[in-house]
Amino acid sequence: MASPEKTVRALIVDDESPMRDQLRARLHDVWPELVIAAEASNGIEAVSMADLHKPDIIFLDIRMPGQSGIEAARHLYNRCHIVFVTAYDQYAVDAFEQGAMDYLLKPVTADRLQMTCTRLRAQLESAPADIGEQLQQLTQLLQRGEAKKPEYLRWIQAQVGNSLRMISTREILFFQSDEKYTVVQTAQAEMLIRKTLKELADELDPDEFWRIHRSTLVRVDAIAEVTRDERGRQMLKVKGFPTALEVSRNHANLFQQM
């Protein structure tokens, strides 16, 4: 591990380039002396870059193609400090919060990142001998949490012009897809994302979002009322949205009393 006199080097790992850019910029603001030695877009690249650049810290996403952050952490836990940075809430968040490492939920605020960097500086100065064992224990807690409790998507990344916006699922009224895009509808705006409705249905909490049509997912607590039109179709009214959404016959059982 690094000593106080040594330049501290970090590796940023995320499959979304805008997210790497955002984290790099915020790290520069809260820790200007930190050197970003390299970046990677998946777990395989992370291990390779760690071998090459020998970073003191790795900021590591979890859900990535090729090899996940959890899998990469198994190879890296005894080499450096690892901070998980993810859009997914986990059973092990509290454990990471209490341990030597840290676990950040996207979007990462400047205050929260400042807290993390303060902890990391203290760890680097003290250089505890058992830091690898601590991270291994925390990683095992995370893996057990994944096995016991499904991880659900809590943030949606949507491209808006040249910037990437992080949208909490609590803000979303509904998702609606056509053949090419999926619309993310909030009370304030409509945005397009690349994820398919099937992918979203698999990743979102089924208690938070219901599928009412093959092309529509609705946040349950955004439902205002369900009525029938002149043709006998169930039509769903969403809070803060003027147009009613159709409930297909295949999903009519969600509202059996209608």
Protein backbone atom coordinates (compact mmCIF):
# COMPACT_ATOMS: atom_id res chain seq x y z
CA MET A 1 0.00 0.00 0.00
CA ALA A 2 1.00 3.61 -0.44
CA SER A 3 2.87 5.67 2.15
CA PRO A 4 2.02 9.34 2.83
CA GLU A 5 4.98 10.46 0.67
CA LYS A 6 4.04 8.32 -2.28
CA THR A 7 1.84 9.53 -5.14
CA VAL A 8 -1.51 7.78 -4.79
CA ARG A 9 -2.70 6.12 -7.98
CA ALA A 10 -6.22 5.00 -8.84
CA LEU A 11 -7.99 2.91 -11.46
CA ILE A 12 -11.58 3.68 -12.54
CA VAL A 13 -13.64 0.76 -13.84
CA ASP A 14 -17.10 1.25 -15.38
CA ASP A 15 -18.63 0.07 -18.65
CA GLU A 16 -20.22 3.51 -19.22
CA SER A 17 -17.75 6.09 -20.50
CA PRO A 18 -19.81 9.08 -19.25
CA MET A 19 -19.84 7.57 -15.76
CA ARG A 20 -16.05 7.24 -15.82
CA ASP A 21 -15.79 10.86 -16.95
CA GLN A 22 -18.11 12.00 -14.18
CA LEU A 23 -16.28 10.09 -11.45
CA ARG A 24 -12.88 11.29 -12.71
CA ALA A 25 -14.05 14.91 -12.60
CA ARG A 26 -15.49 14.59 -9.10
CA LEU A 27 -12.38 12.85 -7.81
CA HIS A 28 -10.30 15.72 -9.20
CA ASP A 29 -12.48 18.16 -7.25
CA VAL A 30 -12.28 16.37 -3.91
CA TRP A 31 -8.76 14.90 -4.21
CA PRO A 32 -6.70 16.88 -6.77
CA GLU A 33 -3.47 15.04 -5.92
CA LEU A 34 -4.93 11.64 -6.80
CA VAL A 35 -3.50 10.30 -10.06
CA ILE A 36 -5.92 8.37 -12.30
CA ALA A 37 -3.44 5.86 -13.68
CA ALA A 38 -5.87 4.10 -16.03
CA GLU A 39 -9.48 3.28 -16.80
CA ALA A 40 -11.22 0.03 -17.73
CA SER A 41 -14.66 -0.93 -18.99
CA ASN A 42 -15.06 -4.40 -17.44
CA GLY A 43 -13.64 -6.76 -14.86
CA ILE A 44 -11.19 -8.47 -17.22
CA GLU A 45 -9.68 -5.14 -18.22
CA ALA A 46 -9.61 -4.09 -14.56
CA VAL A 47 -7.44 -7.05 -13.57
CA SER A 48 -5.14 -6.48 -16.56
CA MET A 49 -4.81 -2.75 -15.84
CA ALA A 50 -4.15 -3.45 -12.16
CA ASP A 51 -1.33 -5.81 -13.12
CA LEU A 52 0.15 -3.13 -15.38
CA HIS A 53 -0.31 0.06 -13.33
CA LYS A 54 -0.28 -1.25 -9.72
CA PRO A 55 -2.93 1.22 -8.43
CA ASP A 56 -3.40 1.91 -4.73
CA ILE A 57 -7.19 2.28 -5.18
CA ILE A 58 -9.73 0.85 -7.62
CA PHE A 59 -13.17 2.44 -8.06
CA LEU A 60 -15.10 -0.56 -9.32
CA ASP A 61 -18.56 -0.88 -10.87
CA ILE A 62 -20.43 -4.18 -10.31
CA ARG A 63 -22.68 -4.84 -13.31
CA MET A 64 -20.41 -4.98 -16.37
CA PRO A 65 -20.16 -7.21 -19.46
CA GLY A 66 -17.45 -9.86 -19.68
CA GLN A 67 -16.57 -9.99 -16.00
CA SER A 68 -18.41 -8.29 -13.16
CA GLY A 69 -16.86 -6.15 -10.47
CA ILE A 70 -17.48 -8.87 -7.89
CA GLU A 71 -15.52 -11.37 -9.99
CA ALA A 72 -12.71 -8.87 -10.51
CA ALA A 73 -12.59 -8.15 -6.76
CA ARG A 74 -11.77 -11.81 -6.10
CA HIS A 75 -8.53 -11.28 -8.03
CA LEU A 76 -7.77 -7.81 -6.67
CA TYR A 77 -8.74 -7.87 -3.00
CA ASN A 78 -5.19 -8.32 -1.69
CA ARG A 79 -3.54 -5.83 -4.05
CA CYS A 80 -5.21 -2.51 -3.32
CA HIS A 81 -8.13 -0.69 -1.74
CA ILE A 82 -11.39 -1.30 -3.59
CA VAL A 83 -14.38 1.02 -3.60
CA PHE A 84 -17.50 -0.34 -5.26
CA VAL A 85 -19.45 2.25 -7.27
CA THR A 86 -22.80 0.96 -8.49
CA ALA A 87 -26.42 1.80 -9.27
CA TYR A 88 -27.58 -1.26 -7.27
CA ASP A 89 -28.55 -1.33 -3.62
CA GLN A 90 -27.23 -4.40 -1.79
CA TYR A 91 -27.57 -6.39 1.41
CA ALA A 92 -23.92 -5.69 2.16
CA VAL A 93 -24.04 -1.89 1.89
CA ASP A 94 -24.01 -1.44 5.67
CA ALA A 95 -21.10 -3.84 6.00
CA PHE A 96 -19.06 -1.89 3.46
CA GLU A 97 -19.98 1.37 5.17
CA GLN A 98 -18.58 0.06 8.46
CA GLY A 99 -15.47 -1.57 7.03
CA ALA A 100 -12.14 -0.35 5.73
CA MET A 101 -13.43 -0.22 2.16
CA ASP A 102 -16.48 1.65 0.89
CA TYR A 103 -19.54 1.17 -1.28
CA LEU A 104 -21.01 4.09 -3.23
CA LEU A 105 -24.41 4.27 -4.88
CA LYS A 106 -24.74 6.18 -8.13
CA PRO A 107 -25.10 9.04 -8.63
CA VAL A 108 -22.23 9.75 -6.24
CA THR A 109 -22.48 13.14 -4.57
CA ALA A 110 -19.43 15.30 -3.92
CA ASP A 111 -19.99 15.13 -0.14
CA ARG A 112 -20.24 11.33 -0.17
CA LEU A 113 -17.14 11.01 -2.35
CA GLN A 114 -15.26 13.41 -0.06
CA MET A 115 -16.08 11.12 2.87
CA THR A 116 -14.78 8.12 0.94
CA CYS A 117 -11.54 9.88 -0.01
CA THR A 118 -10.98 10.95 3.61
CA ARG A 119 -11.31 7.32 4.68
CA LEU A 120 -9.00 6.16 1.94
CA ARG A 121 -6.32 8.68 2.90
CA ALA A 122 -6.46 7.50 6.48
CA GLN A 123 -6.18 3.87 5.38
CA LEU A 124 -3.27 4.61 3.08
CA GLU A 125 -1.41 6.40 5.85
CA SER A 126 -1.98 3.64 8.39
CA ALA A 127 -1.51 0.81 5.82
CA PRO A 128 -3.14 -1.91 7.95
CA ALA A 129 -1.64 -5.33 7.44
CA ASP A 130 -4.99 -7.08 7.30
CA ILE A 131 -6.62 -4.84 4.68
CA GLY A 132 -6.81 -7.66 2.13
CA GLU A 133 -8.53 -9.93 4.60
CA GLN A 134 -11.02 -7.18 5.47
CA LEU A 135 -11.96 -6.67 1.83
CA GLN A 136 -12.24 -10.41 1.25
CA GLN A 137 -14.69 -10.64 4.15
CA LEU A 138 -16.71 -7.73 2.80
CA THR A 139 -16.77 -9.22 -0.69
CA GLN A 140 -18.05 -12.49 0.79
CA LEU A 141 -20.79 -10.55 2.58
CA LEU A 142 -21.76 -8.96 -0.71
CA GLN A 143 -21.89 -12.34 -2.44
CA ARG A 144 -24.07 -13.75 0.33
CA GLY A 145 -26.31 -10.73 0.03
CA GLU A 146 -26.66 -11.35 -3.70
CA ALA A 147 -27.66 -14.95 -3.02
CA LYS A 148 -30.21 -14.04 -0.32
CA LYS A 149 -31.75 -10.91 -1.78
CA PRO A 150 -32.09 -10.04 -5.47
CA GLU A 151 -30.46 -6.79 -6.45
CA TYR A 152 -32.83 -4.46 -8.20
CA LEU A 153 -32.09 -1.52 -10.40
CA ARG A 154 -32.46 1.74 -8.48
CA TRP A 155 -31.07 4.18 -11.05
CA ILE A 156 -31.56 4.49 -14.80
CA GLN A 157 -28.89 6.04 -17.00
CA ALA A 158 -30.36 8.14 -19.82
CA GLN A 159 -28.44 10.10 -22.41
CA VAL A 160 -29.65 13.71 -22.63
CA GLY A 161 -27.76 15.56 -25.34
CA ASN A 162 -24.06 15.20 -24.55
CA SER A 163 -24.61 14.41 -20.88
CA LEU A 164 -25.66 11.33 -18.95
CA ARG A 165 -28.47 11.76 -16.47
CA MET A 166 -29.00 9.42 -13.54
CA ILE A 167 -32.74 8.97 -12.82
CA SER A 168 -33.96 7.38 -9.61
CA THR A 169 -36.63 4.74 -10.21
CA ARG A 170 -38.69 6.65 -7.63
CA GLU A 171 -38.98 9.50 -10.15
CA ILE A 172 -40.19 7.31 -13.01
CA LEU A 173 -43.91 7.09 -13.79
CA PHE A 174 -43.64 4.41 -16.45
CA PHE A 175 -41.52 2.83 -19.19
CA GLN A 176 -42.95 2.35 -22.66
CA SER A 177 -41.21 0.73 -25.59
CA ASP A 178 -41.49 0.41 -29.32
CA GLU A 179 -39.29 -1.67 -31.62
CA LYS A 180 -36.21 0.56 -31.31
CA TYR A 181 -36.31 2.53 -28.05
CA THR A 182 -37.69 2.54 -24.53
CA VAL A 183 -39.22 5.76 -23.26
CA VAL A 184 -38.57 6.74 -19.65
CA GLN A 185 -41.40 9.00 -18.49
CA THR A 186 -41.07 11.16 -15.38
CA ALA A 187 -43.39 13.94 -14.25
CA GLN A 188 -41.01 16.48 -15.78
CA ALA A 189 -39.58 14.88 -18.91
CA GLU A 190 -39.49 12.06 -21.43
CA MET A 191 -36.15 10.40 -22.23
CA LEU A 192 -35.00 7.49 -24.37
CA ILE A 193 -32.79 4.61 -23.26
CA ARG A 194 -31.32 1.56 -25.00
CA LYS A 195 -32.51 -1.06 -22.52
CA THR A 196 -35.37 -3.25 -23.71
CA LEU A 197 -38.55 -3.60 -21.68
CA LYS A 198 -37.69 -7.26 -21.06
CA GLU A 199 -34.33 -6.29 -19.57
CA LEU A 200 -36.01 -3.70 -17.38
CA ALA A 201 -38.69 -6.15 -16.24
CA ASP A 202 -35.95 -8.57 -15.17
CA GLU A 203 -33.91 -5.90 -13.33
CA LEU A 204 -36.62 -3.82 -11.62
CA ASP A 205 -38.27 -4.71 -8.33
CA PRO A 206 -41.58 -6.46 -9.23
CA ASP A 207 -43.16 -4.89 -6.15
CA GLU A 208 -42.25 -1.44 -7.47
CA PHE A 209 -43.09 -1.86 -11.17
CA TRP A 210 -45.92 -3.80 -12.80
CA ARG A 211 -46.15 -4.79 -16.42
CA ILE A 212 -49.60 -3.75 -17.64
CA HIS A 213 -48.97 -4.31 -21.35
CA ARG A 214 -46.30 -5.98 -23.45
CA SER A 215 -44.94 -2.48 -24.13
CA THR A 216 -45.56 -0.79 -20.74
CA LEU A 217 -44.14 -0.99 -17.22
CA VAL A 218 -45.75 1.27 -14.59
CA ARG A 219 -44.51 2.27 -11.15
CA VAL A 220 -47.17 0.95 -8.78
CA ASP A 221 -47.38 3.96 -6.48
CA ALA A 222 -47.78 6.26 -9.49
CA ILE A 223 -51.13 4.61 -10.38
CA ALA A 224 -54.00 6.99 -9.69
CA GLU A 225 -56.96 4.93 -10.90
CA VAL A 226 -58.10 2.28 -13.37
CA THR A 227 -61.32 2.71 -15.37
CA ARG A 228 -63.00 1.09 -18.38
CA ASP A 229 -63.51 2.87 -21.68
CA GLU A 230 -66.50 2.53 -24.01
CA ARG A 231 -64.94 -0.60 -25.54
CA GLY A 232 -64.57 -2.28 -22.17
CA ARG A 233 -60.78 -1.92 -22.03
CA GLN A 234 -59.09 -1.23 -18.72
CA MET A 235 -57.40 2.19 -18.87
CA LEU A 236 -54.88 3.24 -16.26
CA LYS A 237 -54.44 6.83 -15.10
CA VAL A 238 -50.96 7.79 -13.89
CA LYS A 239 -50.40 10.61 -11.41
CA GLY A 240 -48.95 13.67 -13.12
CA PHE A 241 -49.49 12.36 -16.67
CA PRO A 242 -52.46 13.39 -18.82
CA THR A 243 -52.83 10.36 -21.11
CA ALA A 244 -54.36 7.08 -19.92
CA LEU A 245 -52.42 3.86 -20.52
CA GLU A 246 -54.07 0.69 -21.76
CA VAL A 247 -54.00 -2.47 -19.66
CA SER A 248 -53.83 -5.49 -21.94
CA ARG A 249 -56.08 -8.53 -21.45
CA ASN A 250 -53.05 -10.63 -20.52
CA HIS A 251 -52.41 -8.34 -17.55
CA ALA A 252 -56.02 -7.54 -16.59
CA ASN A 253 -55.72 -9.88 -13.59
CA LEU A 254 -53.70 -7.15 -11.83
CA PHE A 255 -56.98 -5.31 -11.38
CA GLN A 256 -59.42 -8.17 -10.90
CA GLN A 257 -62.07 -6.09 -9.17
CA MET A 258 -62.55 -3.89 -12.24
